PDB file of N, CA and C in Angstrom:
ATOM      1  N   UNK A   1     -61.340   2.217  20.116  1.00  0.00           N
ATOM      2  CA  UNK A   1     -61.293   0.764  19.956  1.00  0.00           C
ATOM      3  C   UNK A   1     -62.616   0.127  20.367  1.00  0.00           C
ATOM      4  N   UNK A   2     -63.580   0.987  20.639  1.00  0.00           N
ATOM      5  CA  UNK A   2     -64.932   0.546  20.988  1.00  0.00           C
ATOM      6  C   UNK A   2     -64.985  -0.190  22.330  1.00  0.00           C
ATOM      7  N   UNK A   3     -64.176   0.259  23.267  1.00  0.00           N
ATOM      8  CA  UNK A   3     -64.210  -0.202  24.647  1.00  0.00           C
ATOM      9  C   UNK A   3     -64.410   1.056  25.480  1.00  0.00           C
ATOM     10  N   UNK A   4     -65.606   1.248  26.053  1.00  0.00           N
ATOM     11  CA  UNK A   4     -65.974   2.522  26.679  1.00  0.00           C
ATOM     12  C   UNK A   4     -64.971   2.981  27.727  1.00  0.00           C
ATOM     13  N   UNK A   5     -64.595   2.121  28.659  1.00  0.00           N
ATOM     14  CA  UNK A   5     -63.654   2.518  29.713  1.00  0.00           C
ATOM     15  C   UNK A   5     -62.328   2.935  29.100  1.00  0.00           C
ATOM     16  N   UNK A   6     -61.824   2.144  28.184  1.00  0.00           N
ATOM     17  CA  UNK A   6     -60.543   2.452  27.549  1.00  0.00           C
ATOM     18  C   UNK A   6     -60.647   3.739  26.727  1.00  0.00           C
ATOM     19  N   UNK A   7     -61.694   3.859  25.932  1.00  0.00           N
ATOM     20  CA  UNK A   7     -61.862   5.034  25.072  1.00  0.00           C
ATOM     21  C   UNK A   7     -62.056   6.314  25.878  1.00  0.00           C
ATOM     22  N   UNK A   8     -62.675   6.211  27.049  1.00  0.00           N
ATOM     23  CA  UNK A   8     -62.856   7.389  27.905  1.00  0.00           C
ATOM     24  C   UNK A   8     -61.572   7.777  28.634  1.00  0.00           C
ATOM     25  N   UNK A   9     -60.619   6.845  28.714  1.00  0.00           N
ATOM     26  CA  UNK A   9     -59.384   7.073  29.472  1.00  0.00           C
ATOM     27  C   UNK A   9     -58.233   7.527  28.584  1.00  0.00           C
ATOM     28  N   UNK A  10     -58.156   7.003  27.366  1.00  0.00           N
ATOM     29  CA  UNK A  10     -56.991   7.241  26.515  1.00  0.00           C
ATOM     30  C   UNK A  10     -57.372   7.875  25.180  1.00  0.00           C
ATOM     31  N   UNK A  11     -56.407   8.559  24.608  1.00  0.00           N
ATOM     32  CA  UNK A  11     -56.518   9.078  23.248  1.00  0.00           C
ATOM     33  C   UNK A  11     -55.560   8.264  22.390  1.00  0.00           C
ATOM     34  N   UNK A  12     -56.090   7.601  21.379  1.00  0.00           N
ATOM     35  CA  UNK A  12     -55.275   6.817  20.462  1.00  0.00           C
ATOM     36  C   UNK A  12     -55.260   7.513  19.114  1.00  0.00           C
ATOM     37  N   UNK A  13     -54.083   7.625  18.534  1.00  0.00           N
ATOM     38  CA  UNK A  13     -53.940   8.218  17.210  1.00  0.00           C
ATOM     39  C   UNK A  13     -53.225   7.214  16.324  1.00  0.00           C
ATOM     40  N   UNK A  14     -53.753   7.040  15.116  1.00  0.00           N
ATOM     41  CA  UNK A  14     -53.135   6.111  14.186  1.00  0.00           C
ATOM     42  C   UNK A  14     -53.548   6.463  12.768  1.00  0.00           C
ATOM     43  N   UNK A  15     -52.636   6.226  11.840  1.00  0.00           N
ATOM     44  CA  UNK A  15     -52.974   6.384  10.424  1.00  0.00           C
ATOM     45  C   UNK A  15     -53.696   5.139   9.915  1.00  0.00           C
ATOM     46  N   UNK A  16     -53.725   4.093  10.751  1.00  0.00           N
ATOM     47  CA  UNK A  16     -54.365   2.848  10.359  1.00  0.00           C
ATOM     48  C   UNK A  16     -55.248   2.349  11.510  1.00  0.00           C
ATOM     49  N   UNK A  17     -56.503   2.819  11.572  1.00  0.00           N
ATOM     50  CA  UNK A  17     -57.390   2.442  12.681  1.00  0.00           C
ATOM     51  C   UNK A  17     -57.607   0.937  12.837  1.00  0.00           C
ATOM     52  N   UNK A  18     -57.598   0.204  11.729  1.00  0.00           N
ATOM     53  CA  UNK A  18     -57.796  -1.249  11.820  1.00  0.00           C
ATOM     54  C   UNK A  18     -56.649  -1.911  12.572  1.00  0.00           C
ATOM     55  N   UNK A  19     -55.425  -1.459  12.307  1.00  0.00           N
ATOM     56  CA  UNK A  19     -54.272  -2.047  12.996  1.00  0.00           C
ATOM     57  C   UNK A  19     -54.243  -1.672  14.468  1.00  0.00           C
ATOM     58  N   UNK A  20     -54.639  -0.454  14.802  1.00  0.00           N
ATOM     59  CA  UNK A  20     -54.633  -0.063  16.215  1.00  0.00           C
ATOM     60  C   UNK A  20     -55.697  -0.865  16.970  1.00  0.00           C
ATOM     61  N   UNK A  21     -56.851  -1.111  16.323  1.00  0.00           N
ATOM     62  CA  UNK A  21     -57.870  -1.954  16.959  1.00  0.00           C
ATOM     63  C   UNK A  21     -57.345  -3.375  17.151  1.00  0.00           C
ATOM     64  N   UNK A  22     -56.649  -3.889  16.154  1.00  0.00           N
ATOM     65  CA  UNK A  22     -56.090  -5.239  16.259  1.00  0.00           C
ATOM     66  C   UNK A  22     -55.050  -5.301  17.372  1.00  0.00           C
ATOM     67  N   UNK A  23     -54.218  -4.269  17.501  1.00  0.00           N
ATOM     68  CA  UNK A  23     -53.219  -4.240  18.577  1.00  0.00           C
ATOM     69  C   UNK A  23     -53.896  -4.258  19.937  1.00  0.00           C
ATOM     70  N   UNK A  24     -54.929  -3.425  20.101  1.00  0.00           N
ATOM     71  CA  UNK A  24     -55.590  -3.319  21.400  1.00  0.00           C
ATOM     72  C   UNK A  24     -56.685  -4.359  21.585  1.00  0.00           C
ATOM     73  N   UNK A  25     -56.796  -5.300  20.661  1.00  0.00           N
ATOM     74  CA  UNK A  25     -57.676  -6.436  20.845  1.00  0.00           C
ATOM     75  C   UNK A  25     -57.073  -7.418  21.846  1.00  0.00           C
ATOM     76  N   UNK A  26     -55.806  -7.203  22.163  1.00  0.00           N
ATOM     77  CA  UNK A  26     -55.096  -8.032  23.137  1.00  0.00           C
ATOM     78  C   UNK A  26     -55.429  -7.544  24.556  1.00  0.00           C
ATOM     79  N   UNK A  27     -56.063  -8.402  25.354  1.00  0.00           N
ATOM     80  CA  UNK A  27     -56.505  -8.016  26.700  1.00  0.00           C
ATOM     81  C   UNK A  27     -55.332  -7.624  27.595  1.00  0.00           C
ATOM     82  N   UNK A  28     -54.180  -8.286  27.456  1.00  0.00           N
ATOM     83  CA  UNK A  28     -53.023  -7.940  28.290  1.00  0.00           C
ATOM     84  C   UNK A  28     -52.547  -6.521  28.025  1.00  0.00           C
ATOM     85  N   UNK A  29     -52.518  -6.129  26.761  1.00  0.00           N
ATOM     86  CA  UNK A  29     -52.081  -4.779  26.410  1.00  0.00           C
ATOM     87  C   UNK A  29     -53.061  -3.756  26.969  1.00  0.00           C
ATOM     88  N   UNK A  30     -54.352  -3.994  26.788  1.00  0.00           N
ATOM     89  CA  UNK A  30     -55.357  -3.067  27.325  1.00  0.00           C
ATOM     90  C   UNK A  30     -55.243  -2.966  28.841  1.00  0.00           C
ATOM     91  N   UNK A  31     -55.103  -4.095  29.505  1.00  0.00           N
ATOM     92  CA  UNK A  31     -55.023  -4.083  30.971  1.00  0.00           C
ATOM     93  C   UNK A  31     -53.776  -3.367  31.470  1.00  0.00           C
ATOM     94  N   UNK A  32     -52.658  -3.531  30.764  1.00  0.00           N
ATOM     95  CA  UNK A  32     -51.431  -2.830  31.167  1.00  0.00           C
ATOM     96  C   UNK A  32     -51.589  -1.322  30.994  1.00  0.00           C
ATOM     97  N   UNK A  33     -52.201  -0.901  29.903  1.00  0.00           N
ATOM     98  CA  UNK A  33     -52.459   0.536  29.730  1.00  0.00           C
ATOM     99  C   UNK A  33     -53.347   1.046  30.855  1.00  0.00           C
ATOM    100  N   UNK A  34     -54.395   0.321  31.171  1.00  0.00           N
ATOM    101  CA  UNK A  34     -55.296   0.752  32.245  1.00  0.00           C
ATOM    102  C   UNK A  34     -54.579   0.792  33.592  1.00  0.00           C
ATOM    103  N   UNK A  35     -53.631  -0.116  33.809  1.00  0.00           N
ATOM    104  CA  UNK A  35     -52.861  -0.115  35.058  1.00  0.00           C
ATOM    105  C   UNK A  35     -51.966   1.113  35.166  1.00  0.00           C
ATOM    106  N   UNK A  36     -51.652   1.733  34.028  1.00  0.00           N
ATOM    107  CA  UNK A  36     -50.808   2.933  34.014  1.00  0.00           C
ATOM    108  C   UNK A  36     -51.635   4.213  33.925  1.00  0.00           C
ATOM    109  N   UNK A  37     -52.952   4.100  33.908  1.00  0.00           N
ATOM    110  CA  UNK A  37     -53.827   5.244  33.665  1.00  0.00           C
ATOM    111  C   UNK A  37     -53.706   6.332  34.725  1.00  0.00           C
ATOM    112  N   UNK A  38     -53.263   5.981  35.921  1.00  0.00           N
ATOM    113  CA  UNK A  38     -53.166   6.995  36.978  1.00  0.00           C
ATOM    114  C   UNK A  38     -51.900   7.856  36.875  1.00  0.00           C
ATOM    115  N   UNK A  39     -51.005   7.521  35.936  1.00  0.00           N
ATOM    116  CA  UNK A  39     -49.843   8.379  35.709  1.00  0.00           C
ATOM    117  C   UNK A  39     -50.328   9.686  35.104  1.00  0.00           C
ATOM    118  N   UNK A  40     -49.688  10.790  35.452  1.00  0.00           N
ATOM    119  CA  UNK A  40     -50.169  12.087  34.972  1.00  0.00           C
ATOM    120  C   UNK A  40     -50.171  12.166  33.453  1.00  0.00           C
ATOM    121  N   UNK A  41     -49.086  11.771  32.823  1.00  0.00           N
ATOM    122  CA  UNK A  41     -49.025  11.761  31.368  1.00  0.00           C
ATOM    123  C   UNK A  41     -48.003  10.735  30.918  1.00  0.00           C
ATOM    124  N   UNK A  42     -48.387   9.944  29.933  1.00  0.00           N
ATOM    125  CA  UNK A  42     -47.418   9.070  29.291  1.00  0.00           C
ATOM    126  C   UNK A  42     -47.896   8.812  27.871  1.00  0.00           C
ATOM    127  N   UNK A  43     -46.948   8.473  27.020  1.00  0.00           N
ATOM    128  CA  UNK A  43     -47.306   8.128  25.658  1.00  0.00           C
ATOM    129  C   UNK A  43     -46.416   7.000  25.153  1.00  0.00           C
ATOM    130  N   UNK A  44     -47.002   6.196  24.323  1.00  0.00           N
ATOM    131  CA  UNK A  44     -46.285   5.124  23.639  1.00  0.00           C
ATOM    132  C   UNK A  44     -46.477   5.390  22.157  1.00  0.00           C
ATOM    133  N   UNK A  45     -45.372   5.375  21.412  1.00  0.00           N
ATOM    134  CA  UNK A  45     -45.495   5.634  19.984  1.00  0.00           C
ATOM    135  C   UNK A  45     -44.385   4.923  19.221  1.00  0.00           C
ATOM    136  N   UNK A  46     -44.618   4.815  17.931  1.00  0.00           N
ATOM    137  CA  UNK A  46     -43.594   4.317  17.030  1.00  0.00           C
ATOM    138  C   UNK A  46     -43.021   5.530  16.324  1.00  0.00           C
ATOM    139  N   UNK A  47     -41.715   5.697  16.470  1.00  0.00           N
ATOM    140  CA  UNK A  47     -41.028   6.797  15.800  1.00  0.00           C
ATOM    141  C   UNK A  47     -40.432   6.259  14.512  1.00  0.00           C
ATOM    142  N   UNK A  48     -40.663   6.961  13.455  1.00  0.00           N
ATOM    143  CA  UNK A  48     -40.316   6.499  12.125  1.00  0.00           C
ATOM    144  C   UNK A  48     -38.850   6.729  11.790  1.00  0.00           C
ATOM    145  N   UNK A  49     -38.086   5.635  11.727  1.00  0.00           N
ATOM    146  CA  UNK A  49     -36.733   5.645  11.160  1.00  0.00           C
ATOM    147  C   UNK A  49     -35.740   6.617  11.774  1.00  0.00           C
ATOM    148  N   UNK A  50     -35.982   7.125  12.954  1.00  0.00           N
ATOM    149  CA  UNK A  50     -34.989   8.033  13.526  1.00  0.00           C
ATOM    150  C   UNK A  50     -34.761   7.659  14.977  1.00  0.00           C
ATOM    151  N   UNK A  51     -33.527   7.535  15.364  1.00  0.00           N
ATOM    152  CA  UNK A  51     -33.178   7.180  16.726  1.00  0.00           C
ATOM    153  C   UNK A  51     -33.417   8.319  17.691  1.00  0.00           C
ATOM    154  N   UNK A  52     -33.385   8.009  18.963  1.00  0.00           N
ATOM    155  CA  UNK A  52     -33.634   8.971  20.031  1.00  0.00           C
ATOM    156  C   UNK A  52     -32.692  10.163  19.948  1.00  0.00           C
ATOM    157  N   UNK A  53     -31.452   9.921  19.618  1.00  0.00           N
ATOM    158  CA  UNK A  53     -30.463  10.996  19.569  1.00  0.00           C
ATOM    159  C   UNK A  53     -30.301  11.556  18.164  1.00  0.00           C
ATOM    160  N   UNK A  54     -31.258  11.280  17.302  1.00  0.00           N
ATOM    161  CA  UNK A  54     -31.240  11.852  15.965  1.00  0.00           C
ATOM    162  C   UNK A  54     -30.485  11.013  14.946  1.00  0.00           C
ATOM    163  N   UNK A  55     -29.882   9.918  15.366  1.00  0.00           N
ATOM    164  CA  UNK A  55     -29.204   9.042  14.417  1.00  0.00           C
ATOM    165  C   UNK A  55     -30.248   8.232  13.663  1.00  0.00           C
ATOM    166  N   UNK A  56     -29.995   8.030  12.411  1.00  0.00           N
ATOM    167  CA  UNK A  56     -30.925   7.256  11.595  1.00  0.00           C
ATOM    168  C   UNK A  56     -30.747   5.767  11.858  1.00  0.00           C
ATOM    169  N   UNK A  57     -31.850   5.062  11.858  1.00  0.00           N
ATOM    170  CA  UNK A  57     -31.817   3.612  11.916  1.00  0.00           C
ATOM    171  C   UNK A  57     -31.658   3.090  10.495  1.00  0.00           C
ATOM    172  N   UNK A  58     -31.320   1.824  10.342  1.00  0.00           N
ATOM    173  CA  UNK A  58     -31.298   1.238   8.994  1.00  0.00           C
ATOM    174  C   UNK A  58     -32.686   1.354   8.349  1.00  0.00           C
ATOM    175  N   UNK A  59     -32.733   1.327   7.037  1.00  0.00           N
ATOM    176  CA  UNK A  59     -34.009   1.424   6.328  1.00  0.00           C
ATOM    177  C   UNK A  59     -35.006   0.402   6.854  1.00  0.00           C
ATOM    178  N   UNK A  60     -36.227   0.851   7.067  1.00  0.00           N
ATOM    179  CA  UNK A  60     -37.297  -0.033   7.511  1.00  0.00           C
ATOM    180  C   UNK A  60     -37.318  -0.312   9.003  1.00  0.00           C
ATOM    181  N   UNK A  61     -36.405   0.271   9.766  1.00  0.00           N
ATOM    182  CA  UNK A  61     -36.350   0.046  11.210  1.00  0.00           C
ATOM    183  C   UNK A  61     -36.959   1.260  11.898  1.00  0.00           C
ATOM    184  N   UNK A  62     -37.913   1.027  12.759  1.00  0.00           N
ATOM    185  CA  UNK A  62     -38.541   2.079  13.542  1.00  0.00           C
ATOM    186  C   UNK A  62     -38.277   1.818  15.020  1.00  0.00           C
ATOM    187  N   UNK A  63     -38.670   2.777  15.850  1.00  0.00           N
ATOM    188  CA  UNK A  63     -38.398   2.698  17.278  1.00  0.00           C
ATOM    189  C   UNK A  63     -39.715   2.720  18.048  1.00  0.00           C
ATOM    190  N   UNK A  64     -39.915   1.748  18.932  1.00  0.00           N
ATOM    191  CA  UNK A  64     -41.041   1.774  19.866  1.00  0.00           C
ATOM    192  C   UNK A  64     -40.578   2.623  21.043  1.00  0.00           C
ATOM    193  N   UNK A  65     -41.340   3.651  21.370  1.00  0.00           N
ATOM    194  CA  UNK A  65     -40.887   4.701  22.283  1.00  0.00           C
ATOM    195  C   UNK A  65     -41.938   4.932  23.352  1.00  0.00           C
ATOM    196  N   UNK A  66     -41.523   5.019  24.610  1.00  0.00           N
ATOM    197  CA  UNK A  66     -42.414   5.338  25.715  1.00  0.00           C
ATOM    198  C   UNK A  66     -41.855   6.544  26.437  1.00  0.00           C
ATOM    199  N   UNK A  67     -42.707   7.503  26.706  1.00  0.00           N
ATOM    200  CA  UNK A  67     -42.293   8.711  27.406  1.00  0.00           C
ATOM    201  C   UNK A  67     -43.238   8.960  28.571  1.00  0.00           C
ATOM    202  N   UNK A  68     -42.667   9.235  29.732  1.00  0.00           N
ATOM    203  CA  UNK A  68     -43.435   9.561  30.927  1.00  0.00           C
ATOM    204  C   UNK A  68     -43.020  10.955  31.374  1.00  0.00           C
ATOM    205  N   UNK A  69     -43.995  11.785  31.681  1.00  0.00           N
ATOM    206  CA  UNK A  69     -43.700  13.126  32.185  1.00  0.00           C
ATOM    207  C   UNK A  69     -43.355  13.018  33.667  1.00  0.00           C
ATOM    208  N   UNK A  70     -42.249  13.618  34.064  1.00  0.00           N
ATOM    209  CA  UNK A  70     -41.845  13.601  35.465  1.00  0.00           C
ATOM    210  C   UNK A  70     -40.908  12.458  35.781  1.00  0.00           C
ATOM    211  N   UNK A  71     -40.755  12.195  37.051  1.00  0.00           N
ATOM    212  CA  UNK A  71     -39.880  11.129  37.531  1.00  0.00           C
ATOM    213  C   UNK A  71     -40.748   9.994  38.049  1.00  0.00           C
ATOM    214  N   UNK A  72     -40.475   8.809  37.572  1.00  0.00           N
ATOM    215  CA  UNK A  72     -41.247   7.641  37.969  1.00  0.00           C
ATOM    216  C   UNK A  72     -40.403   6.782  38.909  1.00  0.00           C
ATOM    217  N   UNK A  73     -40.863   6.649  40.145  1.00  0.00           N
ATOM    218  CA  UNK A  73     -40.136   5.866  41.146  1.00  0.00           C
ATOM    219  C   UNK A  73     -40.875   4.593  41.542  1.00  0.00           C
ATOM    220  N   UNK A  74     -42.068   4.403  41.019  1.00  0.00           N
ATOM    221  CA  UNK A  74     -42.896   3.251  41.351  1.00  0.00           C
ATOM    222  C   UNK A  74     -42.392   2.023  40.586  1.00  0.00           C
ATOM    223  N   UNK A  75     -41.743   1.104  41.303  1.00  0.00           N
ATOM    224  CA  UNK A  75     -41.152  -0.079  40.685  1.00  0.00           C
ATOM    225  C   UNK A  75     -42.200  -0.931  39.974  1.00  0.00           C
ATOM    226  N   UNK A  76     -43.387  -1.045  40.533  1.00  0.00           N
ATOM    227  CA  UNK A  76     -44.435  -1.849  39.899  1.00  0.00           C
ATOM    228  C   UNK A  76     -44.870  -1.248  38.565  1.00  0.00           C
ATOM    229  N   UNK A  77     -44.948   0.081  38.491  1.00  0.00           N
ATOM    230  CA  UNK A  77     -45.303   0.738  37.226  1.00  0.00           C
ATOM    231  C   UNK A  77     -44.199   0.512  36.190  1.00  0.00           C
ATOM    232  N   UNK A  78     -42.945   0.570  36.625  1.00  0.00           N
ATOM    233  CA  UNK A  78     -41.833   0.308  35.708  1.00  0.00           C
ATOM    234  C   UNK A  78     -41.886  -1.120  35.171  1.00  0.00           C
ATOM    235  N   UNK A  79     -42.208  -2.066  36.037  1.00  0.00           N
ATOM    236  CA  UNK A  79     -42.333  -3.460  35.600  1.00  0.00           C
ATOM    237  C   UNK A  79     -43.458  -3.614  34.581  1.00  0.00           C
ATOM    238  N   UNK A  80     -44.572  -2.912  34.813  1.00  0.00           N
ATOM    239  CA  UNK A  80     -45.692  -2.967  33.874  1.00  0.00           C
ATOM    240  C   UNK A  80     -45.263  -2.400  32.527  1.00  0.00           C
ATOM    241  N   UNK A  81     -44.481  -1.317  32.550  1.00  0.00           N
ATOM    242  CA  UNK A  81     -44.026  -0.710  31.294  1.00  0.00           C
ATOM    243  C   UNK A  81     -43.135  -1.665  30.503  1.00  0.00           C
ATOM    244  N   UNK A  82     -42.208  -2.343  31.178  1.00  0.00           N
ATOM    245  CA  UNK A  82     -41.356  -3.316  30.484  1.00  0.00           C
ATOM    246  C   UNK A  82     -42.198  -4.462  29.920  1.00  0.00           C
ATOM    247  N   UNK A  83     -43.152  -4.926  30.713  1.00  0.00           N
ATOM    248  CA  UNK A  83     -44.047  -5.990  30.260  1.00  0.00           C
ATOM    249  C   UNK A  83     -44.866  -5.513  29.061  1.00  0.00           C
ATOM    250  N   UNK A  84     -45.351  -4.282  29.127  1.00  0.00           N
ATOM    251  CA  UNK A  84     -46.140  -3.711  28.038  1.00  0.00           C
ATOM    252  C   UNK A  84     -45.333  -3.652  26.744  1.00  0.00           C
ATOM    253  N   UNK A  85     -44.071  -3.233  26.843  1.00  0.00           N
ATOM    254  CA  UNK A  85     -43.215  -3.189  25.657  1.00  0.00           C
ATOM    255  C   UNK A  85     -43.100  -4.567  25.035  1.00  0.00           C
ATOM    256  N   UNK A  86     -42.840  -5.574  25.848  1.00  0.00           N
ATOM    257  CA  UNK A  86     -42.697  -6.936  25.333  1.00  0.00           C
ATOM    258  C   UNK A  86     -44.001  -7.412  24.690  1.00  0.00           C
ATOM    259  N   UNK A  87     -45.133  -7.106  25.322  1.00  0.00           N
ATOM    260  CA  UNK A  87     -46.422  -7.533  24.779  1.00  0.00           C
ATOM    261  C   UNK A  87     -46.738  -6.820  23.459  1.00  0.00           C
ATOM    262  N   UNK A  88     -46.427  -5.522  23.391  1.00  0.00           N
ATOM    263  CA  UNK A  88     -46.670  -4.790  22.145  1.00  0.00           C
ATOM    264  C   UNK A  88     -45.810  -5.365  21.026  1.00  0.00           C
ATOM    265  N   UNK A  89     -44.533  -5.595  21.309  1.00  0.00           N
ATOM    266  CA  UNK A  89     -43.659  -6.148  20.270  1.00  0.00           C
ATOM    267  C   UNK A  89     -44.139  -7.528  19.830  1.00  0.00           C
ATOM    268  N   UNK A  90     -44.539  -8.352  20.765  1.00  0.00           N
ATOM    269  CA  UNK A  90     -45.036  -9.684  20.435  1.00  0.00           C
ATOM    270  C   UNK A  90     -46.287  -9.585  19.562  1.00  0.00           C
ATOM    271  N   UNK A  91     -47.195  -8.696  19.950  1.00  0.00           N
ATOM    272  CA  UNK A  91     -48.443  -8.530  19.191  1.00  0.00           C
ATOM    273  C   UNK A  91     -48.172  -7.970  17.794  1.00  0.00           C
ATOM    274  N   UNK A  92     -47.250  -7.010  17.680  1.00  0.00           N
ATOM    275  CA  UNK A  92     -46.904  -6.467  16.368  1.00  0.00           C
ATOM    276  C   UNK A  92     -46.324  -7.549  15.457  1.00  0.00           C
ATOM    277  N   UNK A  93     -45.534  -8.457  16.041  1.00  0.00           N
ATOM    278  CA  UNK A  93     -45.007  -9.579  15.258  1.00  0.00           C
ATOM    279  C   UNK A  93     -46.145 -10.482  14.786  1.00  0.00           C
ATOM    280  N   UNK A  94     -47.079 -10.789  15.680  1.00  0.00           N
ATOM    281  CA  UNK A  94     -48.222 -11.636  15.327  1.00  0.00           C
ATOM    282  C   UNK A  94     -49.051 -11.008  14.206  1.00  0.00           C
ATOM    283  N   UNK A  95     -49.153  -9.668  14.224  1.00  0.00           N
ATOM    284  CA  UNK A  95     -49.961  -8.949  13.244  1.00  0.00           C
ATOM    285  C   UNK A  95     -49.229  -8.747  11.922  1.00  0.00           C
ATOM    286  N   UNK A  96     -47.936  -9.091  11.884  1.00  0.00           N
ATOM    287  CA  UNK A  96     -47.157  -8.881  10.678  1.00  0.00           C
ATOM    288  C   UNK A  96     -46.702  -7.433  10.520  1.00  0.00           C
ATOM    289  N   UNK A  97     -46.718  -6.675  11.608  1.00  0.00           N
ATOM    290  CA  UNK A  97     -46.324  -5.266  11.555  1.00  0.00           C
ATOM    291  C   UNK A  97     -44.924  -5.032  12.094  1.00  0.00           C
ATOM    292  N   UNK A  98     -44.246  -6.086  12.457  1.00  0.00           N
ATOM    293  CA  UNK A  98     -42.860  -5.972  12.929  1.00  0.00           C
ATOM    294  C   UNK A  98     -42.034  -6.959  12.098  1.00  0.00           C
ATOM    295  N   UNK A  99     -41.128  -7.674  12.701  1.00  0.00           N
ATOM    296  CA  UNK A  99     -40.283  -8.608  11.970  1.00  0.00           C
ATOM    297  C   UNK A  99     -41.102  -9.721  11.352  1.00  0.00           C
ATOM    298  N   UNK A 100     -40.612 -10.222  10.227  1.00  0.00           N
ATOM    299  CA  UNK A 100     -41.291 -11.351   9.594  1.00  0.00           C
ATOM    300  C   UNK A 100     -41.198 -12.592  10.461  1.00  0.00           C
ATOM    301  N   UNK A 101     -40.044 -12.783  11.099  1.00  0.00           N
ATOM    302  CA  UNK A 101     -39.860 -13.922  12.003  1.00  0.00           C
ATOM    303  C   UNK A 101     -39.940 -13.408  13.443  1.00  0.00           C
ATOM    304  N   UNK A 102     -40.563 -14.179  14.298  1.00  0.00           N
ATOM    305  CA  UNK A 102     -40.684 -13.779  15.695  1.00  0.00           C
ATOM    306  C   UNK A 102     -39.312 -13.768  16.346  1.00  0.00           C
ATOM    307  N   UNK A 103     -39.026 -12.752  17.154  1.00  0.00           N
ATOM    308  CA  UNK A 103     -37.721 -12.720  17.844  1.00  0.00           C
ATOM    309  C   UNK A 103     -37.657 -13.832  18.885  1.00  0.00           C
ATOM    310  N   UNK A 104     -36.473 -14.225  19.220  1.00  0.00           N
ATOM    311  CA  UNK A 104     -36.298 -15.307  20.206  1.00  0.00           C
ATOM    312  C   UNK A 104     -35.924 -14.759  21.571  1.00  0.00           C
ATOM    313  N   UNK A 105     -36.184 -13.487  21.807  1.00  0.00           N
ATOM    314  CA  UNK A 105     -35.871 -12.863  23.092  1.00  0.00           C
ATOM    315  C   UNK A 105     -37.036 -13.068  24.036  1.00  0.00           C
ATOM    316  N   UNK A 106     -36.748 -13.432  25.276  1.00  0.00           N
ATOM    317  CA  UNK A 106     -37.769 -13.621  26.286  1.00  0.00           C
ATOM    318  C   UNK A 106     -37.414 -12.758  27.486  1.00  0.00           C
ATOM    319  N   UNK A 107     -38.204 -11.712  27.754  1.00  0.00           N
ATOM    320  CA  UNK A 107     -37.973 -10.854  28.912  1.00  0.00           C
ATOM    321  C   UNK A 107     -38.717 -11.420  30.106  1.00  0.00           C
ATOM    322  N   UNK A 108     -38.022 -11.596  31.196  1.00  0.00           N
ATOM    323  CA  UNK A 108     -38.667 -12.125  32.408  1.00  0.00           C
ATOM    324  C   UNK A 108     -38.504 -11.163  33.535  1.00  0.00           C
TER     325      UNK A 108
END
């Protein structure tokens, strides 16, 4: 994403580099990822049309998925992860990569 600290810390994979740059153009998202950088391993991804337990979602529905290796007991890190999910979903809506209409859910 052409941010040296971020690029040296994380590996980003995408079939659409322009969209991933647009997603990470959001300072809150970048800062939340950096706040989680000390975790041994974690990944955030969009899983295509298949639920966690193998059940199919309706057509056109994908799953935003976060996986952490090990057991996470740090409450502040968990709060950052929930905040990160909300920020990613909000940004995807702004970019036109999620719902056409913005959701009316507010996580606090």
